[in-house]
Amino acid sequence: MSDSVRRRAMGGHPGAARETCPRWCVTGHGMHLGEDDWVHMGEPVALADGVLARLCLSVDPRSGAKDGPYVVVGSSEYTLDEAAALGVALVAMADAGHQAIRP
């Protein structure tokens, strides 16, 4: 989890995140205290070489302030727009590579 998400995750009470849980969240809320209970994490997607990507969002249970959602890839955190641009760039590079090897 990124430092920016961690900085906002200081406090809370068990189960607080469940009230604002996005449908993609797979976090088992109510089992941890503080930050770990109100950070929403999506199902991890395995990328190349064991690198995982997942959605992440923190919601402060006291104020309702949201940090994210972000796409976390390995140890890097991307805004949704940055992640979409990265995906488009990767597909374009793969397509260019395929065109280079076609007869």
C-alpha atoms as a PDB file:
ATOM      1  CA  MET A   1       0.000   0.000   0.000  1.00  0.00           C
ATOM      2  CA  SER A   2       1.326   3.441  -0.848  1.00  0.00           C
ATOM      3  CA  ASP A   3       2.493   6.016   1.676  1.00  0.00           C
ATOM      4  CA  SER A   4      -0.183   8.484   0.547  1.00  0.00           C
ATOM      5  CA  VAL A   5      -2.916   5.958   1.337  1.00  0.00           C
ATOM      6  CA  ARG A   6      -1.244   5.044   4.641  1.00  0.00           C
ATOM      7  CA  ARG A   7      -0.940   8.689   5.731  1.00  0.00           C
ATOM      8  CA  ARG A   8      -4.707   9.102   5.614  1.00  0.00           C
ATOM      9  CA  ALA A   9      -5.422   5.824   7.331  1.00  0.00           C
ATOM     10  CA  MET A  10      -4.854   6.629  10.981  1.00  0.00           C
ATOM     11  CA  GLY A  11      -7.755   5.598  13.173  1.00  0.00           C
ATOM     12  CA  GLY A  12     -11.260   4.282  12.655  1.00  0.00           C
ATOM     13  CA  HIS A  13     -13.133   1.483  14.314  1.00  0.00           C
ATOM     14  CA  PRO A  14     -13.896  -2.126  13.369  1.00  0.00           C
ATOM     15  CA  GLY A  15     -16.426  -2.490  10.589  1.00  0.00           C
ATOM     16  CA  ALA A  16     -16.559   1.224   9.760  1.00  0.00           C
ATOM     17  CA  ALA A  17     -15.508   0.711   6.140  1.00  0.00           C
ATOM     18  CA  ARG A  18     -18.268  -1.774   5.438  1.00  0.00           C
ATOM     19  CA  GLU A  19     -20.811   1.059   5.218  1.00  0.00           C
ATOM     20  CA  THR A  20     -18.959   2.669   2.296  1.00  0.00           C
ATOM     21  CA  CYS A  21     -17.545  -0.476   0.710  1.00  0.00           C
ATOM     22  CA  PRO A  22     -17.377  -0.360  -3.118  1.00  0.00           C
ATOM     23  CA  ARG A  23     -18.706  -3.437  -4.923  1.00  0.00           C
ATOM     24  CA  TRP A  24     -15.200  -4.444  -6.083  1.00  0.00           C
ATOM     25  CA  CYS A  25     -13.766  -4.542  -2.539  1.00  0.00           C
ATOM     26  CA  VAL A  26     -12.628  -7.947  -1.292  1.00  0.00           C
ATOM     27  CA  THR A  27     -11.281  -6.726   2.057  1.00  0.00           C
ATOM     28  CA  GLY A  28     -12.563  -8.621   5.087  1.00  0.00           C
ATOM     29  CA  HIS A  29     -13.667  -5.599   7.131  1.00  0.00           C
ATOM     30  CA  GLY A  30     -14.248  -5.907  10.854  1.00  0.00           C
ATOM     31  CA  MET A  31     -11.282  -8.197  11.464  1.00  0.00           C
ATOM     32  CA  HIS A  32      -8.628  -5.480  11.947  1.00  0.00           C
ATOM     33  CA  LEU A  33      -8.327  -2.194  13.797  1.00  0.00           C
ATOM     34  CA  GLY A  34      -7.509   1.189  12.269  1.00  0.00           C
ATOM     35  CA  GLU A  35      -6.255   1.568   8.707  1.00  0.00           C
ATOM     36  CA  ASP A  36      -6.497  -2.066   7.757  1.00  0.00           C
ATOM     37  CA  ASP A  37     -10.233  -2.001   8.403  1.00  0.00           C
ATOM     38  CA  TRP A  38     -11.117   0.984   6.240  1.00  0.00           C
ATOM     39  CA  VAL A  39      -8.867   0.557   3.217  1.00  0.00           C
ATOM     40  CA  HIS A  40     -10.737  -1.082   0.362  1.00  0.00           C
ATOM     41  CA  MET A  41      -8.717  -3.411  -1.849  1.00  0.00           C
ATOM     42  CA  GLY A  42      -9.826  -5.087  -5.053  1.00  0.00           C
ATOM     43  CA  GLU A  43      -9.010  -8.625  -6.098  1.00  0.00           C
ATOM     44  CA  PRO A  44      -5.360  -8.786  -7.193  1.00  0.00           C
ATOM     45  CA  VAL A  45      -4.608  -9.311 -10.881  1.00  0.00           C
ATOM     46  CA  ALA A  46      -1.362 -11.145 -11.631  1.00  0.00           C
ATOM     47  CA  LEU A  47       0.823  -9.430 -14.225  1.00  0.00           C
ATOM     48  CA  ALA A  48       4.185 -10.519 -15.632  1.00  0.00           C
ATOM     49  CA  ASP A  49       6.887 -11.866 -13.304  1.00  0.00           C
ATOM     50  CA  GLY A  50       4.593 -12.120 -10.274  1.00  0.00           C
ATOM     51  CA  VAL A  51       3.754  -8.412 -10.132  1.00  0.00           C
ATOM     52  CA  LEU A  52       0.225  -7.810  -8.818  1.00  0.00           C
ATOM     53  CA  ALA A  53      -2.162  -4.990  -9.665  1.00  0.00           C
ATOM     54  CA  ARG A  54      -5.271  -4.041  -7.701  1.00  0.00           C
ATOM     55  CA  LEU A  55      -7.681  -1.235  -6.990  1.00  0.00           C
ATOM     56  CA  CYS A  56      -7.251   0.584  -3.689  1.00  0.00           C
ATOM     57  CA  LEU A  57      -9.398   3.207  -1.949  1.00  0.00           C
ATOM     58  CA  SER A  58      -9.387   4.549   1.584  1.00  0.00           C
ATOM     59  CA  VAL A  59     -12.417   6.185   3.155  1.00  0.00           C
ATOM     60  CA  ASP A  60     -12.017   7.974   6.479  1.00  0.00           C
ATOM     61  CA  PRO A  61     -14.842   6.638   8.667  1.00  0.00           C
ATOM     62  CA  ARG A  62     -15.052   9.886  10.643  1.00  0.00           C
ATOM     63  CA  SER A  63     -15.134  12.448   7.826  1.00  0.00           C
ATOM     64  CA  GLY A  64     -16.053  10.298   4.823  1.00  0.00           C
ATOM     65  CA  ALA A  65     -13.053  11.764   2.943  1.00  0.00           C
ATOM     66  CA  LYS A  66     -11.839   9.486   0.163  1.00  0.00           C
ATOM     67  CA  ASP A  67      -8.291   8.933  -1.039  1.00  0.00           C
ATOM     68  CA  GLY A  68      -8.470   7.234  -4.419  1.00  0.00           C
ATOM     69  CA  PRO A  69      -9.362   4.974  -5.950  1.00  0.00           C
ATOM     70  CA  TYR A  70      -5.912   4.186  -7.262  1.00  0.00           C
ATOM     71  CA  VAL A  71      -4.513   1.307  -9.254  1.00  0.00           C
ATOM     72  CA  VAL A  72      -1.557  -0.133  -7.387  1.00  0.00           C
ATOM     73  CA  VAL A  73       0.891  -2.054  -9.607  1.00  0.00           C
ATOM     74  CA  GLY A  74       3.656  -3.640  -7.582  1.00  0.00           C
ATOM     75  CA  SER A  75       4.833  -0.776  -5.388  1.00  0.00           C
ATOM     76  CA  SER A  76       3.668   1.986  -7.766  1.00  0.00           C
ATOM     77  CA  GLU A  77       0.393   3.851  -7.381  1.00  0.00           C
ATOM     78  CA  TYR A  78      -1.478   5.326 -10.358  1.00  0.00           C
ATOM     79  CA  THR A  79      -4.575   7.475 -10.617  1.00  0.00           C
ATOM     80  CA  LEU A  80      -7.339   5.923 -12.695  1.00  0.00           C
ATOM     81  CA  ASP A  81      -6.437   8.190 -15.629  1.00  0.00           C
ATOM     82  CA  GLU A  82      -2.748   7.310 -15.339  1.00  0.00           C
ATOM     83  CA  ALA A  83      -3.550   3.585 -15.230  1.00  0.00           C
ATOM     84  CA  ALA A  84      -5.797   3.897 -18.291  1.00  0.00           C
ATOM     85  CA  ALA A  85      -3.067   5.780 -20.193  1.00  0.00           C
ATOM     86  CA  LEU A  86      -0.513   3.134 -19.189  1.00  0.00           C
ATOM     87  CA  GLY A  87      -2.833   0.395 -20.466  1.00  0.00           C
ATOM     88  CA  VAL A  88      -3.338   2.165 -23.799  1.00  0.00           C
ATOM     89  CA  ALA A  89       0.421   2.686 -24.177  1.00  0.00           C
ATOM     90  CA  LEU A  90       1.163  -0.989 -23.421  1.00  0.00           C
ATOM     91  CA  VAL A  91      -1.419  -2.202 -25.945  1.00  0.00           C
ATOM     92  CA  ALA A  92      -0.011   0.187 -28.576  1.00  0.00           C
ATOM     93  CA  MET A  93       3.515  -1.129 -27.962  1.00  0.00           C
ATOM     94  CA  ALA A  94       2.335  -4.738 -28.190  1.00  0.00           C
ATOM     95  CA  ASP A  95       0.461  -3.986 -31.434  1.00  0.00           C
ATOM     96  CA  ALA A  96       3.559  -2.293 -32.896  1.00  0.00           C
ATOM     97  CA  GLY A  97       5.635  -5.324 -31.962  1.00  0.00           C
ATOM     98  CA  HIS A  98       3.154  -7.694 -33.598  1.00  0.00           C
ATOM     99  CA  GLN A  99       3.154  -5.622 -36.788  1.00  0.00           C
ATOM    100  CA  ALA A 100       6.950  -5.734 -36.891  1.00  0.00           C
ATOM    101  CA  ILE A 101       7.019  -9.548 -36.918  1.00  0.00           C
ATOM    102  CA  ARG A 102       4.138 -10.165 -39.343  1.00  0.00           C
ATOM    103  CA  PRO A 103       5.184 -11.229 -42.852  1.00  0.00           C
END
